[in-house]
């Protein structure tokens, strides 16, 4: 009986979290983000019943609790290898040639079975898209910025699953989700410093940068989208002073 109650409570809290995140993705209110993060953490705890039972989410919960206000970035030098993957529409693409080219890149990682940080990351990318569109326009966004989200659980995350996951956030053209063989995914993420051996242990770290300039910043994918937008606009050589939380 107790397990049934926990299961129903988890379902309710998870749905409530998604509703909060949906509204936050549209309005960008920090209070809604905070509420959704707290609900998500509570849902995970309710589903497992004890701290020891959900130890595999320890890193995720710590990341969620420290997300608010954590906008610091660090500069790194990386080399992205050419890798052939499959996007959310089932199209085979070469990451460097077809998707990146001379664009500024924002690279994040998720997996669709994730019950903690991945949903807020997805909502963040959707909000980031709208912030950038308000600043530079949809066409410039697609032509000059590559928003890439790579699944770290490609065996489970088929193009169909990634497509459905993206639709939860009303993602727009210009945001590409990628899956492929485990070997190809691992090679790409090891080269970028985003590799994790176990999906449950992955961190919310993302990358903003440009291949030709080799200027890359490691950022929290849970940081306010306006902060990430400012980094991208700086790489584009666009004045970011007018970007605000209300965009």
Protein backbone atom coordinates (compact mmCIF):
# COMPACT_ATOMS: atom_id res chain seq x y z
CA UNK A 1 0.00 0.00 0.00
CA UNK A 2 2.80 2.41 0.90
CA UNK A 3 4.54 1.82 -2.42
CA UNK A 4 1.28 2.52 -4.30
CA UNK A 5 0.80 5.80 -2.43
CA UNK A 6 4.39 6.83 -3.16
CA UNK A 7 3.94 5.98 -6.83
CA UNK A 8 0.76 8.07 -7.13
CA UNK A 9 2.38 10.96 -5.25
CA UNK A 10 5.38 10.85 -7.56
CA UNK A 11 3.10 10.93 -10.63
CA UNK A 12 1.19 13.94 -9.29
CA UNK A 13 4.31 15.88 -8.33
CA UNK A 14 6.04 15.15 -11.63
CA UNK A 15 3.04 16.41 -13.61
CA UNK A 16 2.89 19.52 -11.45
CA UNK A 17 6.59 20.13 -12.04
CA UNK A 18 6.11 19.92 -15.81
CA UNK A 19 3.25 22.43 -15.62
CA UNK A 20 5.45 24.84 -13.64
CA UNK A 21 8.31 24.43 -16.09
CA UNK A 22 5.96 25.01 -19.03
CA UNK A 23 4.89 28.38 -17.65
CA UNK A 24 8.46 29.26 -16.66
CA UNK A 25 9.71 28.53 -20.18
CA UNK A 26 7.25 31.11 -21.45
CA UNK A 27 7.58 33.84 -18.83
CA UNK A 28 11.07 33.25 -17.41
CA UNK A 29 10.09 33.87 -13.81
CA UNK A 30 12.74 32.70 -11.34
CA UNK A 31 10.12 31.89 -8.71
CA UNK A 32 8.50 29.34 -11.03
CA UNK A 33 11.91 27.78 -11.72
CA UNK A 34 12.59 27.48 -8.03
CA UNK A 35 9.19 25.92 -7.39
CA UNK A 36 9.58 23.42 -10.22
CA UNK A 37 13.04 22.39 -9.00
CA UNK A 38 11.76 21.88 -5.45
CA UNK A 39 8.81 19.83 -6.72
CA UNK A 40 11.09 17.69 -8.86
CA UNK A 41 13.38 16.97 -5.92
CA UNK A 42 10.36 16.14 -3.74
CA UNK A 43 8.96 13.83 -6.40
CA UNK A 44 12.20 11.90 -6.59
CA UNK A 45 12.27 11.53 -2.81
CA UNK A 46 8.62 10.46 -2.66
CA UNK A 47 9.11 7.81 -5.32
CA UNK A 48 12.05 6.20 -3.55
CA UNK A 49 10.99 6.64 0.06
CA UNK A 50 14.44 7.07 1.61
CA UNK A 51 17.76 8.80 1.09
CA UNK A 52 19.62 5.54 0.56
CA UNK A 53 17.21 4.40 -2.15
CA UNK A 54 17.87 7.39 -4.38
CA UNK A 55 21.61 7.81 -3.92
CA UNK A 56 22.07 7.60 -7.69
CA UNK A 57 20.31 11.00 -7.96
CA UNK A 58 22.57 12.64 -5.39
CA UNK A 59 24.58 14.65 -7.93
CA UNK A 60 21.44 15.77 -9.74
CA UNK A 61 19.74 16.99 -6.60
CA UNK A 62 22.85 18.88 -5.54
CA UNK A 63 22.96 20.51 -8.97
CA UNK A 64 19.29 21.50 -8.72
CA UNK A 65 19.69 22.97 -5.25
CA UNK A 66 22.67 25.10 -6.32
CA UNK A 67 21.30 26.13 -9.72
CA UNK A 68 19.79 29.43 -8.67
CA UNK A 69 22.34 32.18 -9.15
CA UNK A 70 25.06 29.83 -10.39
CA UNK A 71 26.01 31.65 -13.59
CA UNK A 72 29.79 31.44 -13.41
CA UNK A 73 31.67 30.14 -16.44
CA UNK A 74 35.21 28.94 -17.06
CA UNK A 75 37.17 29.10 -20.31
CA UNK A 76 38.55 25.94 -21.91
CA UNK A 77 40.14 24.86 -25.18
CA UNK A 78 38.57 21.88 -26.95
CA UNK A 79 38.57 20.16 -30.32
CA UNK A 80 35.27 18.78 -31.59
CA UNK A 81 35.74 15.67 -33.73
CA UNK A 82 33.61 15.15 -36.81
CA UNK A 83 30.92 12.71 -35.76
CA UNK A 84 27.94 11.31 -37.65
CA UNK A 85 24.81 11.21 -35.49
CA UNK A 86 21.03 11.21 -35.99
CA UNK A 87 18.80 14.16 -35.17
CA UNK A 88 15.31 14.17 -33.64
CA UNK A 89 13.79 14.00 -37.13
CA UNK A 90 15.67 10.82 -38.03
CA UNK A 91 18.16 12.57 -40.33
CA UNK A 92 21.79 11.47 -40.34
CA UNK A 93 24.00 14.53 -39.84
CA UNK A 94 27.68 15.32 -39.50
CA UNK A 95 28.00 17.38 -36.36
CA UNK A 96 30.79 19.72 -37.48
CA UNK A 97 30.05 20.04 -41.19
CA UNK A 98 26.25 20.04 -41.17
CA UNK A 99 25.34 21.54 -37.80
CA UNK A 100 28.20 23.67 -36.53
CA UNK A 101 30.15 25.09 -39.45
CA UNK A 102 31.04 28.67 -38.56
CA UNK A 103 28.26 29.04 -35.97
CA UNK A 104 28.47 29.80 -32.29
CA UNK A 105 27.62 26.59 -30.43
CA UNK A 106 25.67 25.92 -27.27
CA UNK A 107 26.08 22.24 -26.39
CA UNK A 108 24.08 20.49 -23.67
CA UNK A 109 23.48 16.88 -22.64
CA UNK A 110 20.33 15.12 -21.42
CA UNK A 111 18.57 11.76 -21.41
CA UNK A 112 14.80 11.39 -21.69
CA UNK A 113 14.37 9.04 -18.71
CA UNK A 114 16.00 11.60 -16.43
CA UNK A 115 13.66 12.77 -13.64
CA UNK A 116 15.71 15.64 -12.25
CA UNK A 117 17.95 18.11 -14.09
CA UNK A 118 17.10 17.26 -17.71
CA UNK A 119 13.60 18.73 -17.74
CA UNK A 120 14.80 22.12 -16.41
CA UNK A 121 17.66 22.00 -18.96
CA UNK A 122 15.14 21.48 -21.77
CA UNK A 123 12.98 24.34 -20.51
CA UNK A 124 16.08 26.52 -20.33
CA UNK A 125 17.04 25.86 -23.95
CA UNK A 126 13.51 26.67 -25.09
CA UNK A 127 13.58 29.94 -23.15
CA UNK A 128 17.07 30.69 -24.51
CA UNK A 129 15.77 30.27 -28.07
CA UNK A 130 13.08 32.86 -27.51
CA UNK A 131 15.50 35.24 -25.82
CA UNK A 132 17.87 35.05 -28.80
CA UNK A 133 15.04 35.39 -31.32
CA UNK A 134 13.88 38.55 -29.56
CA UNK A 135 17.42 39.92 -29.85
CA UNK A 136 18.63 38.81 -33.30
CA UNK A 137 15.61 37.22 -35.02
CA UNK A 138 14.68 33.67 -35.99
CA UNK A 139 16.63 33.63 -39.27
CA UNK A 140 19.85 34.88 -37.68
CA UNK A 141 19.46 32.37 -34.88
CA UNK A 142 19.25 29.48 -37.34
CA UNK A 143 22.08 30.82 -39.50
CA UNK A 144 24.54 31.86 -36.79
CA UNK A 145 23.84 29.74 -33.70
CA UNK A 146 23.85 25.96 -33.23
CA UNK A 147 21.82 24.84 -30.23
CA UNK A 148 22.78 21.18 -29.81
CA UNK A 149 21.51 18.76 -27.18
CA UNK A 150 23.13 15.31 -27.13
CA UNK A 151 21.57 12.26 -25.51
CA UNK A 152 23.90 10.44 -23.15
CA UNK A 153 21.62 7.38 -23.28
CA UNK A 154 21.39 6.81 -27.04
CA UNK A 155 20.28 3.18 -26.78
CA UNK A 156 17.01 4.32 -25.21
CA UNK A 157 16.76 7.76 -26.78
CA UNK A 158 15.60 7.12 -30.32
CA UNK A 159 14.87 10.07 -32.64
CA UNK A 160 11.17 9.60 -31.89
CA UNK A 161 11.74 9.88 -28.13
CA UNK A 162 13.91 12.97 -28.56
CA UNK A 163 11.32 14.56 -30.81
CA UNK A 164 8.55 13.96 -28.27
CA UNK A 165 10.76 15.23 -25.44
CA UNK A 166 11.54 18.46 -27.29
CA UNK A 167 7.85 19.09 -28.01
CA UNK A 168 7.16 19.26 -24.27
CA UNK A 169 9.00 22.59 -24.29
CA UNK A 170 7.60 23.90 -27.59
CA UNK A 171 11.09 23.88 -29.09
CA UNK A 172 11.54 25.92 -32.26
CA UNK A 173 13.62 25.29 -35.41
CA UNK A 174 17.31 25.78 -34.70
CA UNK A 175 17.44 23.46 -31.67
CA UNK A 176 18.82 20.06 -32.68
CA UNK A 177 18.68 16.96 -30.46
CA UNK A 178 21.10 14.17 -31.29
CA UNK A 179 21.43 10.43 -30.75
CA UNK A 180 23.55 7.72 -32.33
CA UNK A 181 25.77 4.82 -31.42
CA UNK A 182 27.12 4.75 -27.87
CA UNK A 183 30.65 4.73 -29.27
CA UNK A 184 30.13 7.87 -31.35
CA UNK A 185 28.34 9.69 -28.54
CA UNK A 186 31.08 8.83 -26.05
CA UNK A 187 33.83 9.95 -28.44
CA UNK A 188 32.16 13.32 -28.98
CA UNK A 189 31.48 13.93 -25.29
CA UNK A 190 34.95 12.85 -24.18
CA UNK A 191 36.46 15.33 -26.63
CA UNK A 192 34.30 18.14 -25.25
CA UNK A 193 34.75 17.21 -21.59
CA UNK A 194 31.05 16.41 -21.13
CA UNK A 195 31.36 12.63 -20.90
CA UNK A 196 29.90 10.69 -18.00
CA UNK A 197 30.05 6.93 -17.59
CA UNK A 198 26.58 6.62 -16.04
CA UNK A 199 23.60 8.72 -17.17
CA UNK A 200 22.38 9.12 -13.59
CA UNK A 201 25.63 10.86 -12.65
CA UNK A 202 25.80 13.42 -15.45
CA UNK A 203 26.20 17.07 -14.55
CA UNK A 204 24.35 20.10 -15.93
CA UNK A 205 27.49 21.51 -17.52
CA UNK A 206 27.19 22.89 -21.06
CA UNK A 207 29.53 24.58 -23.53
CA UNK A 208 29.31 27.87 -25.38
CA UNK A 209 31.92 28.50 -28.03
CA UNK A 210 33.18 28.78 -31.58
CA UNK A 211 35.41 26.27 -33.40
CA UNK A 212 37.53 28.77 -35.36
CA UNK A 213 38.27 31.06 -32.42
CA UNK A 214 38.58 28.11 -30.02
CA UNK A 215 36.95 30.21 -27.33
CA UNK A 216 34.79 27.93 -25.19
CA UNK A 217 33.08 28.60 -21.89
CA UNK A 218 31.84 25.87 -19.56
CA UNK A 219 28.53 27.03 -18.10
CA UNK A 220 25.71 25.65 -16.00
CA UNK A 221 22.84 24.61 -18.26
CA UNK A 222 20.58 25.49 -15.32
CA UNK A 223 21.77 29.10 -15.25
CA UNK A 224 19.26 31.81 -16.22
CA UNK A 225 18.87 31.77 -20.02
CA UNK A 226 19.66 35.49 -20.19
CA UNK A 227 23.16 34.75 -18.87
CA UNK A 228 23.75 32.08 -21.49
CA UNK A 229 22.33 34.38 -24.18
CA UNK A 230 24.83 37.07 -23.21
CA UNK A 231 27.73 34.63 -23.70
CA UNK A 232 26.39 33.62 -27.12
CA UNK A 233 25.86 37.22 -28.22
CA UNK A 234 29.38 38.12 -27.13
CA UNK A 235 30.71 35.33 -29.34
CA UNK A 236 28.60 36.72 -32.20
CA UNK A 237 29.97 40.21 -31.65
CA UNK A 238 26.48 41.51 -30.84
CA UNK A 239 25.85 43.99 -28.03
CA UNK A 240 24.32 41.95 -25.19
CA UNK A 241 23.67 44.89 -22.86
CA UNK A 242 20.00 45.11 -23.85
CA UNK A 243 19.23 41.46 -23.09
CA UNK A 244 16.95 41.25 -20.07
CA UNK A 245 15.15 38.61 -18.04
CA UNK A 246 11.85 39.81 -19.49
CA UNK A 247 12.76 38.78 -23.05
